[in-house]
Structure formats: C-alpha cells, structure tokens
C-alpha atoms as a PDB file:
ATOM      1  CA  MET A   1     141.975 149.742 -25.409  1.00  0.00           C
ATOM      2  CA  ASN A   2     143.869 152.279 -23.056  1.00  0.00           C
ATOM      3  CA  LEU A   3     142.511 151.860 -18.989  1.00  0.00           C
ATOM      4  CA  THR A   4     142.994 154.594 -16.535  1.00  0.00           C
ATOM      5  CA  ILE A   5     142.368 153.435 -13.069  1.00  0.00           C
ATOM      6  CA  SER A   6     142.894 156.817 -10.534  1.00  0.00           C
ATOM      7  CA  GLY A   7     141.588 157.580  -6.671  1.00  0.00           C
ATOM      8  CA  HIS A   8     140.687 160.451  -4.951  1.00  0.00           C
ATOM      9  CA  HIS A   9     141.501 160.395  -1.318  1.00  0.00           C
ATOM     10  CA  LEU A  10     142.065 156.773  -1.582  1.00  0.00           C
ATOM     11  CA  GLU A  11     144.613 154.061  -2.567  1.00  0.00           C
ATOM     12  CA  VAL A  12     144.076 152.137  -5.369  1.00  0.00           C
ATOM     13  CA  THR A  13     145.390 148.438  -4.606  1.00  0.00           C
ATOM     14  CA  PRO A  14     146.224 146.071  -7.027  1.00  0.00           C
ATOM     15  CA  ALA A  15     143.202 144.129  -5.582  1.00  0.00           C
ATOM     16  CA  LEU A  16     140.580 146.450  -6.358  1.00  0.00           C
ATOM     17  CA  ARG A  17     142.192 146.986  -9.476  1.00  0.00           C
ATOM     18  CA  SER A  18     141.755 143.958 -10.569  1.00  0.00           C
ATOM     19  CA  TYR A  19     138.542 144.183  -9.367  1.00  0.00           C
ATOM     20  CA  VAL A  20     137.511 146.903 -11.869  1.00  0.00           C
ATOM     21  CA  THR A  21     139.545 145.349 -14.837  1.00  0.00           C
ATOM     22  CA  SER A  22     137.827 141.998 -14.515  1.00  0.00           C
ATOM     23  CA  LYS A  23     134.138 144.065 -14.133  1.00  0.00           C
ATOM     24  CA  LEU A  24     135.000 145.943 -17.309  1.00  0.00           C
ATOM     25  CA  ASP A  25     136.160 142.840 -19.208  1.00  0.00           C
ATOM     26  CA  ARG A  26     131.988 142.675 -19.880  1.00  0.00           C
ATOM     27  CA  ILE A  27     131.871 145.964 -21.342  1.00  0.00           C
ATOM     28  CA  ILE A  28     134.805 144.558 -23.940  1.00  0.00           C
ATOM     29  CA  ARG A  29     132.766 141.032 -24.176  1.00  0.00           C
ATOM     30  CA  HIS A  30     129.920 143.239 -25.766  1.00  0.00           C
ATOM     31  CA  PHE A  31     131.505 145.638 -28.054  1.00  0.00           C
ATOM     32  CA  ASP A  32     135.053 145.668 -28.901  1.00  0.00           C
ATOM     33  CA  GLN A  33     135.860 148.999 -30.240  1.00  0.00           C
ATOM     34  CA  VAL A  34     136.496 150.585 -26.936  1.00  0.00           C
ATOM     35  CA  VAL A  35     139.110 152.942 -27.448  1.00  0.00           C
ATOM     36  CA  ASP A  36     139.687 154.690 -23.926  1.00  0.00           C
ATOM     37  CA  VAL A  37     138.386 154.124 -20.396  1.00  0.00           C
ATOM     38  CA  LYS A  38     139.145 156.091 -17.426  1.00  0.00           C
ATOM     39  CA  VAL A  39     137.844 155.275 -14.275  1.00  0.00           C
ATOM     40  CA  LEU A  40     137.818 157.612 -10.650  1.00  0.00           C
ATOM     41  CA  LEU A  41     137.496 156.234  -7.803  1.00  0.00           C
ATOM     42  CA  THR A  42     136.786 158.597  -4.690  1.00  0.00           C
ATOM     43  CA  VAL A  43     135.989 159.025  -1.016  1.00  0.00           C
ATOM     44  CA  GLU A  44     133.728 161.634  -0.280  1.00  0.00           C
ATOM     45  CA  LYS A  45     134.592 163.347   3.374  1.00  0.00           C
ATOM     46  CA  GLN A  46     130.483 163.326   4.132  1.00  0.00           C
ATOM     47  CA  LYS A  47     129.532 162.646   8.006  1.00  0.00           C
ATOM     48  CA  GLU A  48     126.924 160.106   6.973  1.00  0.00           C
ATOM     49  CA  LYS A  49     128.461 156.803   6.018  1.00  0.00           C
ATOM     50  CA  GLU A  50     125.691 156.187   3.289  1.00  0.00           C
ATOM     51  CA  ARG A  51     126.874 157.248  -0.914  1.00  0.00           C
ATOM     52  CA  ARG A  52     130.438 157.858   0.453  1.00  0.00           C
ATOM     53  CA  GLN A  53     132.318 155.604  -1.993  1.00  0.00           C
ATOM     54  CA  ARG A  54     131.506 157.001  -5.680  1.00  0.00           C
ATOM     55  CA  ALA A  55     132.943 155.476  -8.814  1.00  0.00           C
ATOM     56  CA  GLU A  56     132.804 157.265 -12.302  1.00  0.00           C
ATOM     57  CA  CYS A  57     133.586 156.028 -15.675  1.00  0.00           C
ATOM     58  CA  ASN A  58     134.068 157.393 -19.110  1.00  0.00           C
ATOM     59  CA  ILE A  59     134.233 155.422 -22.275  1.00  0.00           C
ATOM     60  CA  HIS A  60     135.547 156.809 -25.469  1.00  0.00           C
ATOM     61  CA  VAL A  61     134.248 154.122 -28.071  1.00  0.00           C
ATOM     62  CA  LYS A  62     134.216 154.523 -31.847  1.00  0.00           C
ATOM     63  CA  GLY A  63     131.824 157.304 -32.466  1.00  0.00           C
ATOM     64  CA  SER A  64     130.773 158.633 -29.019  1.00  0.00           C
ATOM     65  CA  ASP A  65     131.145 158.972 -25.255  1.00  0.00           C
ATOM     66  CA  MET A  66     129.313 157.468 -22.627  1.00  0.00           C
ATOM     67  CA  PHE A  67     129.606 158.469 -18.728  1.00  0.00           C
ATOM     68  CA  ALA A  68     128.230 156.817 -15.487  1.00  0.00           C
ATOM     69  CA  GLU A  69     128.775 157.240 -11.868  1.00  0.00           C
ATOM     70  CA  SER A  70     127.569 155.512  -9.114  1.00  0.00           C
ATOM     71  CA  ALA A  71     127.629 156.143  -5.696  1.00  0.00           C
ATOM     72  CA  HIS A  72     127.300 153.702  -2.651  1.00  0.00           C
ATOM     73  CA  GLU A  73     128.621 152.673   0.808  1.00  0.00           C
ATOM     74  CA  ASP A  74     130.595 150.082  -0.187  1.00  0.00           C
ATOM     75  CA  LEU A  75     133.284 150.610  -2.984  1.00  0.00           C
ATOM     76  CA  TYR A  76     132.883 147.162  -4.877  1.00  0.00           C
ATOM     77  CA  ALA A  77     129.498 147.568  -4.899  1.00  0.00           C
ATOM     78  CA  ALA A  78     129.683 151.114  -6.370  1.00  0.00           C
ATOM     79  CA  VAL A  79     132.103 149.272  -9.108  1.00  0.00           C
ATOM     80  CA  ASP A  80     129.142 146.611 -10.006  1.00  0.00           C
ATOM     81  CA  ASP A  81     126.290 149.227 -10.050  1.00  0.00           C
ATOM     82  CA  LEU A  82     128.648 151.287 -12.836  1.00  0.00           C
ATOM     83  CA  VAL A  83     129.444 148.157 -14.743  1.00  0.00           C
ATOM     84  CA  ASP A  84     125.599 147.707 -14.716  1.00  0.00           C
ATOM     85  CA  LYS A  85     124.982 151.143 -16.051  1.00  0.00           C
ATOM     86  CA  LEU A  86     127.777 151.295 -19.003  1.00  0.00           C
ATOM     87  CA  ASP A  87     126.818 148.032 -19.861  1.00  0.00           C
ATOM     88  CA  ARG A  88     122.971 148.998 -20.538  1.00  0.00           C
ATOM     89  CA  GLN A  89     124.591 152.383 -22.428  1.00  0.00           C
ATOM     90  CA  VAL A  90     126.984 150.324 -24.737  1.00  0.00           C
ATOM     91  CA  ILE A  91     124.649 147.237 -25.219  1.00  0.00           C
ATOM     92  CA  ARG A  92     122.348 150.135 -26.548  1.00  0.00           C
ATOM     93  CA  HIS A  93     124.978 151.887 -28.670  1.00  0.00           C
ATOM     94  CA  LYS A  94     125.778 148.773 -30.339  1.00  0.00           C
ATOM     95  CA  ASP A  95     122.090 148.365 -31.358  1.00  0.00           C
ATOM     96  CA  ARG A  96     122.067 152.140 -32.913  1.00  0.00           C
ATOM     97  CA  LEU A  97     124.967 151.065 -35.092  1.00  0.00           C
ATOM     98  CA  GLN A  98     123.598 148.065 -36.342  1.00  0.00           C
ATOM     99  CA  ASP A  99     121.571 148.575 -39.726  1.00  0.00           C
ATOM    100  CA  HIS A 100     117.945 147.086 -38.273  1.00  0.00           C
ATOM    101  CA  HIS A 101     116.193 147.951 -41.834  1.00  0.00           C
ATOM    102  CA  HIS A 102     115.454 145.210 -43.958  1.00  0.00           C
ATOM    103  CA  GLU A 103     115.482 144.991 -48.340  1.00  0.00           C
ATOM    104  CA  ALA A 104     111.899 144.869 -49.291  1.00  0.00           C
ATOM    105  CA  PRO A 105     111.122 141.475 -50.617  1.00  0.00           C
ATOM    106  CA  LYS A 106     111.620 141.613 -54.777  1.00  0.00           C
ATOM    107  CA  ARG A 107     108.314 141.005 -56.558  1.00  0.00           C
ATOM    108  CA  LEU A 108     107.902 137.973 -58.695  1.00  0.00           C
ATOM    109  CA  MET A 109     106.540 138.583 -62.095  1.00  0.00           C
END
C-alpha cells in the first residue's frame, strides 16, 4: 500500500503523520486490497474558527476509487471523522464484492 500524507498551509509533523497512519490501519484491517492512499490536510484561511481544519482522502482499491472529506475546528477530530466515513465506504464496497447469492437446494427424488 502506498501512503502519501501532505499538508496545505501546514507542516505535517511526525506526531500527526503517525496519528493518521494509526487511524488508517483500521481501514486496512477491514479490507486488505487497498492499493494507494492519498491524504491531504489543510488549514483554510477563513475568518471564522469553525471548520477551518480540513482532511481529505482518496483511496484506490481494486475495482474502484473512494473519496471522503471532513472539516472541523480540530485537525485530529477531522481525521477521526474522515476515517469513520472511509471505513463505512470500504465496508460497503467489501460487501458488494462478496457473493451473497445462495445455491438453490437440490431436489431429492
């Protein structure tokens, strides 16, 4: 899995990098066919303090791409919300891949 963590208007510290990596391990635990993950962390230059910190993520898995974004006043809370959204998408994608059809019971004669 290729993991790219970049920051826009902020420096990605080792603590922030390890936090994002540990949170993304939950997605890998649910679905191991993740090919590429790109995380973009931004601080927007708005006047209001609410929802300044944004986290975006693109995940490329075998078969499709997934995108999620989250905004919060705390960057760590934005990452938590982002991972929750991605986890739901990955679980739904995994359920779609599994074959839920059952064979018809064979008749006994």
